[in-house]
Every structure is written in C-alpha cells, then in structure tokens.
Amino acid sequence: MGILRFIIRRLIFMVALVIGVSILIFFMINAIGNPIDILLAERPGVTPEVIEIVKKYYRLDRSLTEQYISWLGNVARLDFGTSIIFNQPVKDLLVTWGWETMKLQVTAILISLGIAIFIGVTAATRQYSKIDFGVMSAALLGRSLPGFFLGILLILIFSYWLGIFPSYGAYSTRNMLLGSPLLDSLWHMVLPVSMLAYFNTATLTLLIRSNMVDVLRQDFIMAARASGLKSRHVVYRHALKNAFIPALTYLAILFGLMLGTAPVTETIFTWPGLGYLYITAIQQLDFPVIMGTNLVITLMLVTANLLTDIAYVFIDPRIRLE
C-alpha cells in the first residue's frame, strides 16, 4: 500500500511537472519568432489570403494563452498537431523517427551496461593493478573526449580509410549488405552505436568501479568470504547488488534523455531519427514538432525516474518509499 500511495503522489507531481515544462517551452519558442515569416522567406509571392488561411489552420491568429490551451486539449486526445514543414501528423513523425532513435540508444545502453559491469568489477577486484589503471585511463579518456570528435574519428577511420562501415544513413538505397534489410540496418548501426556505447560505458564503469571498491571493504563482504562462499558469488551476488544503485540512477538518466541526447549523434551520422528531426524543426520553427518532441522527452525522463525509485526498493530492502 505504501508503494501505491507513493506512485499516486508521483503521478500527480509528474502531471504538474509536465504541464509546467510545456508552458515554459511553449512561451520560449513563441518568443523566438513566427514560423510563417520563415515560410514566406522561402516562398516569396504568397498571397495574403493564403497567409491568413495558414495562420488560422495552425491557430497562430489567436493569443498565446489560447494557443497553449488549445494545444494542451489536443494533446490530451493524443493529437500533437500537424507539422508545418513536413505537413504530416506530429504523432506519426514521433513514432517513425523515434523508432530509429530508439534502435541506436537502447542498443548502446544495453551494450554499455554489460561491458561496464564486467570491466568495472574486474578493475575493482584488482585495485591498483595494471588492469585497474588501464580501465580507469580508458574511462577517463571516454569522459573527456567530445562526442562529435569521436564520431568524426570513427567515420574517418572505418568509413573513409578502411571502407568497412557506411558513414551516414540508416539504410542503403542500393546494394544492401548480403541483400538483407536486417543485416544492412545492423551494418549502418555499428559506428553510431559504438560512439554512444563508448561514452556510456566510460561513465558506468567509473560509477561501478568506485562503488565496488567501497562495498568490497564492508564487513558483510568480509563475513561472506569468511563463511566459505566462492569469490565470484560474493562479488556478483552480494557486492555488485549493493554497488549498483548509483549506476541505476545514471541508467535512468540515460533512458530518460535518450531523445534529448540524440541530436549530436544523429547529426554526425545523418541518422534519420528524432534528434535529426528535432534539429530541423528548430531551424524551421516547426512549433508542433518542437512541442511534441519536448513533451515526449519530459515524459520519458519523469517516468524513468519513477521506475528507478521503485526499483531501489527491490535492489536494497533498506530503502523505503515515503
């Protein structure tokens, strides 16, 4: 019952937070300029009648308060509006382009988690050894390198010099790898996933390694070793479970900000994902797409935080949801 009350309170808070963020973003976007002016700059000679029709269609002839209330009412019915640039329902764009982003981000996070657990635990159990020094150096380097630099470096080495992987896009327009759409898609994912996985692995490794070092010195670990349990069982069954909570917090941030961190990767690799769409929408002041994308990012972040708080209880029974 305690968890149920906690979830209800958090859901109420989430609704208030999402509305507050959407209000802030809505008025900030409208303070930048009018998307109709950009459309007119690209299409000179548009008649005033057409301009008025477009303004009325997108409700730009109303006050900002009326525009926001209308938008919020439509969102409650899962209607995110129509894109000004692409002239398509924003909901369809979010699903289509969002799937391409999720493919990269989720794959990179899962790969990073597996690698970080292994090398983080290995470094912690061999503290101050050459392995520990090498792991720490590589992780710190990963945290220091700018994302765009690593992406360009991967393209330069593996695409232009070696010619192993494609440098852009999610699919081949012709000559698919072995004639298989699935293999061709995986082939294009290698470089962007490698870039994302390297940065995620660096942070997760540092978190797991530092916390494992502290946990391995605790009395209950010494007692477990003294009771005759195998070292591997003590490390992965007892120590890792207690050292994983800070890493779990970082994972929640990664999952919550998957769409928010996508623009850099997708711009470098010209990946047709939601991040690339978001950058295009900002450049063209496509209000419906910008608002829809920000709403999804906010919902993902608050949902990931809620699920993480609940997961804490199952990982560490000492934690209570109050």
Protein backbone atom coordinates (compact mmCIF):
# COMPACT_ATOMS: atom_id res chain seq x y z
CA MET A 1 0.00 0.00 0.00
CA GLY A 2 2.95 2.31 0.69
CA ILE A 3 4.23 1.86 -2.86
CA LEU A 4 0.76 2.54 -4.28
CA ARG A 5 0.48 5.83 -2.36
CA PHE A 6 3.97 6.77 -3.47
CA ILE A 7 3.11 6.09 -7.13
CA ILE A 8 -0.10 8.13 -6.92
CA ARG A 9 1.74 11.09 -5.37
CA ARG A 10 4.47 10.88 -8.00
CA LEU A 11 1.95 10.66 -10.85
CA ILE A 12 0.25 13.86 -9.61
CA PHE A 13 3.65 15.54 -9.39
CA MET A 14 4.57 14.26 -12.87
CA VAL A 15 1.42 15.76 -14.41
CA ALA A 16 2.13 19.13 -12.79
CA LEU A 17 5.78 18.99 -13.87
CA VAL A 18 4.98 18.09 -17.48
CA ILE A 19 2.43 20.92 -17.72
CA GLY A 20 4.90 23.38 -16.18
CA VAL A 21 7.70 22.39 -18.57
CA SER A 22 5.37 22.54 -21.57
CA ILE A 23 4.23 26.07 -20.60
CA LEU A 24 7.83 27.23 -20.27
CA ILE A 25 8.91 25.73 -23.59
CA PHE A 26 5.79 26.95 -25.40
CA PHE A 27 6.28 30.59 -24.46
CA MET A 28 10.05 30.44 -25.05
CA ILE A 29 9.53 29.06 -28.55
CA ASN A 30 6.96 31.70 -29.39
CA ALA A 31 9.32 34.40 -28.17
CA ILE A 32 11.82 33.39 -30.86
CA GLY A 33 9.71 34.28 -33.87
CA ASN A 34 6.88 33.38 -36.20
CA PRO A 35 7.22 30.28 -38.41
CA ILE A 36 5.06 31.95 -41.07
CA ASP A 37 7.80 34.55 -41.61
CA ILE A 38 10.29 31.74 -42.34
CA LEU A 39 7.88 30.09 -44.76
CA LEU A 40 7.39 33.40 -46.55
CA ALA A 41 11.13 33.94 -46.82
CA GLU A 42 11.44 30.59 -48.64
CA ARG A 43 8.31 31.10 -50.75
CA PRO A 44 8.10 34.71 -51.90
CA GLY A 45 4.93 35.76 -53.62
CA VAL A 46 2.45 34.03 -51.31
CA THR A 47 -0.81 35.91 -51.24
CA PRO A 48 -2.18 37.45 -48.03
CA GLU A 49 -5.23 35.18 -48.30
CA VAL A 50 -3.04 32.07 -48.15
CA ILE A 51 -1.12 33.51 -45.20
CA GLU A 52 -4.34 34.05 -43.27
CA ILE A 53 -5.50 30.51 -44.04
CA VAL A 54 -2.22 29.05 -42.78
CA LYS A 55 -2.32 31.18 -39.62
CA LYS A 56 -5.89 30.13 -38.92
CA TYR A 57 -5.11 26.45 -39.57
CA TYR A 58 -2.26 26.46 -37.05
CA ARG A 59 -4.16 28.82 -34.70
CA LEU A 60 -1.43 31.44 -34.97
CA ASP A 61 -4.07 34.12 -35.20
CA ARG A 62 -5.01 33.59 -31.55
CA SER A 63 -3.34 34.81 -28.37
CA LEU A 64 -0.53 32.73 -26.88
CA THR A 65 -2.73 31.65 -23.99
CA GLU A 66 -5.46 30.45 -26.33
CA GLN A 67 -2.89 28.66 -28.48
CA TYR A 68 -1.45 26.82 -25.49
CA ILE A 69 -4.85 25.81 -24.07
CA SER A 70 -5.88 24.54 -27.50
CA TRP A 71 -2.62 22.60 -27.85
CA LEU A 72 -2.94 21.08 -24.38
CA GLY A 73 -6.51 19.98 -25.09
CA ASN A 74 -5.44 18.30 -28.30
CA VAL A 75 -2.53 16.56 -26.56
CA ALA A 76 -4.97 15.14 -24.01
CA ARG A 77 -6.60 13.40 -27.00
CA LEU A 78 -3.15 12.27 -28.25
CA ASP A 79 -3.31 14.79 -31.08
CA PHE A 80 0.05 16.57 -31.33
CA GLY A 81 -0.96 18.64 -34.34
CA THR A 82 0.41 18.76 -37.87
CA SER A 83 3.99 19.57 -38.78
CA ILE A 84 4.36 22.93 -40.53
CA ILE A 85 7.37 21.78 -42.56
CA PHE A 86 6.50 18.14 -43.33
CA ASN A 87 2.72 18.60 -43.42
CA GLN A 88 2.26 15.30 -41.58
CA PRO A 89 0.73 14.45 -38.19
CA VAL A 90 3.35 15.01 -35.50
CA LYS A 91 2.30 11.77 -33.80
CA ASP A 92 3.25 9.78 -36.91
CA LEU A 93 6.58 11.59 -37.15
CA LEU A 94 7.35 10.88 -33.49
CA VAL A 95 6.65 7.17 -33.95
CA THR A 96 8.51 6.76 -37.26
CA TRP A 97 11.57 8.85 -36.48
CA GLY A 98 11.54 7.91 -32.80
CA TRP A 99 11.88 4.21 -33.64
CA GLU A 100 15.14 4.90 -35.47
CA THR A 101 16.46 6.79 -32.43
CA MET A 102 15.41 4.05 -30.01
CA LYS A 103 17.27 1.46 -32.07
CA LEU A 104 20.54 3.27 -31.55
CA GLN A 105 20.07 4.43 -27.98
CA VAL A 106 18.67 1.25 -26.39
CA THR A 107 21.24 -0.95 -28.14
CA ALA A 108 24.08 1.31 -26.99
CA ILE A 109 22.81 1.41 -23.39
CA LEU A 110 22.47 -2.37 -23.13
CA ILE A 111 25.92 -2.94 -24.62
CA SER A 112 27.40 -0.32 -22.30
CA LEU A 113 25.81 -1.88 -19.23
CA GLY A 114 27.16 -5.34 -19.99
CA ILE A 115 30.68 -4.10 -20.69
CA ALA A 116 30.74 -1.67 -17.73
CA ILE A 117 29.68 -4.34 -15.23
CA PHE A 118 32.39 -6.73 -16.37
CA ILE A 119 35.31 -4.31 -16.58
CA GLY A 120 34.16 -2.22 -13.59
CA VAL A 121 34.02 -5.28 -11.33
CA THR A 122 37.31 -6.59 -12.75
CA ALA A 123 39.05 -3.28 -12.03
CA ALA A 124 37.60 -3.04 -8.51
CA THR A 125 38.69 -6.56 -7.56
CA ARG A 126 42.21 -5.80 -8.86
CA GLN A 127 42.61 -2.33 -7.38
CA TYR A 128 45.87 -0.51 -8.21
CA SER A 129 46.87 -3.20 -10.69
CA LYS A 130 47.76 -2.59 -14.34
CA ILE A 131 44.26 -3.71 -15.33
CA ASP A 132 42.72 -1.18 -12.95
CA PHE A 133 44.99 1.57 -14.25
CA GLY A 134 44.15 0.73 -17.87
CA VAL A 135 40.39 0.64 -17.22
CA MET A 136 40.46 3.94 -15.33
CA SER A 137 42.55 5.62 -18.03
CA ALA A 138 40.24 4.46 -20.82
CA ALA A 139 37.14 5.51 -18.87
CA LEU A 140 38.53 8.96 -18.07
CA LEU A 141 39.51 9.40 -21.72
CA GLY A 142 35.97 8.49 -22.71
CA ARG A 143 34.58 11.12 -20.36
CA SER A 144 36.95 13.76 -21.72
CA LEU A 145 36.56 13.35 -25.48
CA PRO A 146 33.88 15.49 -27.13
CA GLY A 147 31.15 13.40 -28.74
CA PHE A 148 31.41 14.98 -32.18
CA PHE A 149 35.19 14.40 -32.22
CA LEU A 150 34.88 10.66 -31.59
CA GLY A 151 32.10 10.36 -34.16
CA ILE A 152 34.14 12.11 -36.85
CA LEU A 153 37.18 9.99 -35.93
CA LEU A 154 35.18 6.77 -36.33
CA ILE A 155 33.88 7.91 -39.72
CA LEU A 156 37.37 8.89 -40.85
CA ILE A 157 38.98 5.59 -39.85
CA PHE A 158 36.32 2.97 -40.53
CA SER A 159 34.48 4.60 -43.44
CA TYR A 160 36.97 6.61 -45.47
CA TRP A 161 40.28 4.93 -44.70
CA LEU A 162 39.22 1.30 -44.25
CA GLY A 163 35.86 1.42 -46.04
CA ILE A 164 34.31 -1.13 -43.67
CA PHE A 165 31.18 0.66 -42.45
CA PRO A 166 28.90 3.30 -44.02
CA SER A 167 29.42 6.86 -42.85
CA TYR A 168 25.81 8.04 -42.91
CA GLY A 169 22.19 6.97 -43.04
CA ALA A 170 20.24 4.08 -41.55
CA TYR A 171 19.72 2.05 -44.73
CA SER A 172 21.32 1.59 -48.11
CA THR A 173 19.41 2.94 -51.08
CA ARG A 174 21.02 0.21 -53.17
CA ASN A 175 23.40 -2.71 -52.74
CA MET A 176 22.17 -3.85 -49.32
CA LEU A 177 24.60 -5.91 -47.27
CA LEU A 178 24.16 -9.52 -48.46
CA GLY A 179 20.78 -8.46 -49.82
CA SER A 180 19.26 -8.48 -46.32
CA PRO A 181 17.47 -5.37 -44.94
CA LEU A 182 18.14 -6.56 -41.36
CA LEU A 183 21.88 -7.04 -41.89
CA ASP A 184 22.05 -3.76 -43.78
CA SER A 185 20.39 -1.95 -40.85
CA LEU A 186 22.78 -3.53 -38.34
CA TRP A 187 25.71 -2.63 -40.62
CA HIS A 188 24.72 1.05 -40.53
CA MET A 189 24.23 0.97 -36.76
CA VAL A 190 27.79 -0.10 -35.91
CA LEU A 191 29.50 3.31 -35.88
CA PRO A 192 26.81 5.40 -34.15
CA VAL A 193 26.20 2.67 -31.57
CA SER A 194 29.94 2.39 -30.96
CA MET A 195 30.16 6.14 -30.32
CA LEU A 196 27.25 6.12 -27.87
CA ALA A 197 28.37 2.92 -26.16
CA TYR A 198 31.87 4.24 -25.55
CA PHE A 199 30.67 7.32 -23.68
CA ASN A 200 28.01 5.45 -21.72
CA THR A 201 30.47 2.69 -20.80
CA ALA A 202 33.02 5.21 -19.55
CA THR A 203 30.64 6.77 -17.01
CA LEU A 204 29.06 3.50 -15.92
CA THR A 205 32.46 1.90 -15.45
CA LEU A 206 33.66 4.72 -13.21
CA LEU A 207 30.50 4.51 -11.10
CA ILE A 208 30.55 0.73 -10.73
CA ARG A 209 34.28 0.55 -10.09
CA SER A 210 34.33 3.25 -7.40
CA ASN A 211 31.31 1.88 -5.57
CA MET A 212 32.54 -1.71 -5.81
CA VAL A 213 35.80 -0.68 -4.16
CA ASP A 214 33.85 0.74 -1.19
CA VAL A 215 31.43 -2.19 -0.93
CA LEU A 216 34.20 -4.81 -1.05
CA ARG A 217 35.61 -3.28 2.15
CA GLN A 218 32.35 -3.61 4.07
CA ASP A 219 32.01 -6.01 6.99
CA PHE A 220 29.26 -8.10 5.40
CA ILE A 221 31.51 -8.86 2.43
CA MET A 222 34.29 -10.00 4.75
CA ALA A 223 31.78 -12.14 6.62
CA ALA A 224 30.58 -13.67 3.35
CA ARG A 225 34.13 -14.53 2.35
CA ALA A 226 34.83 -15.97 5.81
CA SER A 227 31.75 -18.21 5.55
CA GLY A 228 33.35 -20.03 2.64
CA LEU A 229 31.34 -18.60 -0.27
CA LYS A 230 33.06 -18.57 -3.62
CA SER A 231 34.71 -15.27 -4.50
CA ARG A 232 32.68 -14.92 -7.70
CA HIS A 233 29.46 -15.48 -5.76
CA VAL A 234 30.40 -12.85 -3.18
CA VAL A 235 31.37 -10.28 -5.81
CA TYR A 236 28.47 -10.63 -8.24
CA ARG A 237 25.69 -11.77 -5.89
CA HIS A 238 26.31 -9.57 -2.86
CA ALA A 239 28.78 -6.77 -3.61
CA LEU A 240 27.53 -5.82 -7.08
CA LYS A 241 23.92 -5.62 -5.93
CA ASN A 242 24.83 -3.03 -3.32
CA ALA A 243 27.19 -1.11 -5.60
CA PHE A 244 24.72 -0.88 -8.46
CA ILE A 245 22.38 1.81 -7.06
CA PRO A 246 24.40 4.86 -8.27
CA ALA A 247 24.75 3.20 -11.69
CA LEU A 248 20.99 2.60 -11.72
CA THR A 249 20.44 6.33 -11.23
CA TYR A 250 22.67 7.08 -14.21
CA LEU A 251 20.85 4.46 -16.29
CA ALA A 252 17.56 6.18 -15.51
CA ILE A 253 19.00 9.44 -16.79
CA LEU A 254 20.23 7.71 -19.95
CA PHE A 255 16.85 6.14 -20.67
CA GLY A 256 15.03 9.35 -19.83
CA LEU A 257 17.23 11.51 -22.05
CA MET A 258 17.58 9.10 -24.98
CA LEU A 259 15.77 11.53 -27.26
CA GLY A 260 17.36 14.59 -25.68
CA THR A 261 20.91 13.41 -26.40
CA ALA A 262 20.12 12.09 -29.90
CA PRO A 263 20.70 15.28 -31.97
CA VAL A 264 24.51 15.18 -31.72
CA THR A 265 24.85 11.54 -32.79
CA GLU A 266 22.22 11.74 -35.49
CA THR A 267 23.62 14.94 -36.95
CA ILE A 268 27.12 13.48 -37.19
CA PHE A 269 25.96 10.26 -38.86
CA THR A 270 22.99 11.81 -40.74
CA TRP A 271 20.79 9.30 -38.98
CA PRO A 272 17.06 9.75 -39.74
CA GLY A 273 15.99 9.78 -36.11
CA LEU A 274 14.03 12.05 -33.81
CA GLY A 275 17.13 14.05 -32.88
CA TYR A 276 17.74 14.92 -36.52
CA LEU A 277 14.06 15.80 -36.91
CA TYR A 278 14.25 17.97 -33.80
CA ILE A 279 17.19 19.98 -35.13
CA THR A 280 15.37 20.51 -38.44
CA ALA A 281 12.22 21.60 -36.61
CA ILE A 282 14.15 24.14 -34.52
CA GLN A 283 15.83 25.60 -37.61
CA GLN A 284 12.45 26.00 -39.32
CA LEU A 285 10.49 26.95 -36.16
CA ASP A 286 8.17 23.99 -36.64
CA PHE A 287 6.24 24.58 -33.38
CA PRO A 288 4.14 21.37 -33.35
CA VAL A 289 7.19 19.12 -33.80
CA ILE A 290 9.25 21.02 -31.22
CA MET A 291 6.47 20.89 -28.63
CA GLY A 292 5.69 17.23 -29.32
CA THR A 293 9.33 16.18 -29.05
CA ASN A 294 9.89 18.13 -25.82
CA LEU A 295 6.76 16.62 -24.33
CA VAL A 296 7.94 13.09 -25.10
CA ILE A 297 11.41 13.81 -23.66
CA THR A 298 9.89 15.18 -20.44
CA LEU A 299 7.54 12.20 -20.10
CA MET A 300 10.39 9.74 -20.64
CA LEU A 301 12.57 11.45 -18.04
CA VAL A 302 9.95 11.62 -15.27
CA THR A 303 8.79 8.06 -15.99
CA ALA A 304 12.35 6.74 -15.86
CA ASN A 305 12.89 8.48 -12.51
CA LEU A 306 9.69 6.97 -11.09
CA LEU A 307 10.61 3.46 -12.20
CA THR A 308 14.11 3.91 -10.79
CA ASP A 309 12.79 4.94 -7.37
CA ILE A 310 10.60 1.83 -7.31
CA ALA A 311 13.50 -0.38 -8.42
CA TYR A 312 15.60 0.90 -5.49
CA VAL A 313 13.28 -0.91 -3.07
CA PHE A 314 13.79 -4.27 -4.76
CA ILE A 315 17.56 -3.84 -5.03
CA ASP A 316 18.10 -2.59 -1.48
CA PRO A 317 15.36 -3.52 1.07
CA ARG A 318 16.72 -0.87 3.45
CA ILE A 319 15.28 1.83 1.19
CA ARG A 320 11.70 2.85 1.89
CA LEU A 321 9.38 4.86 -0.33
CA GLU A 322 7.97 7.56 1.93
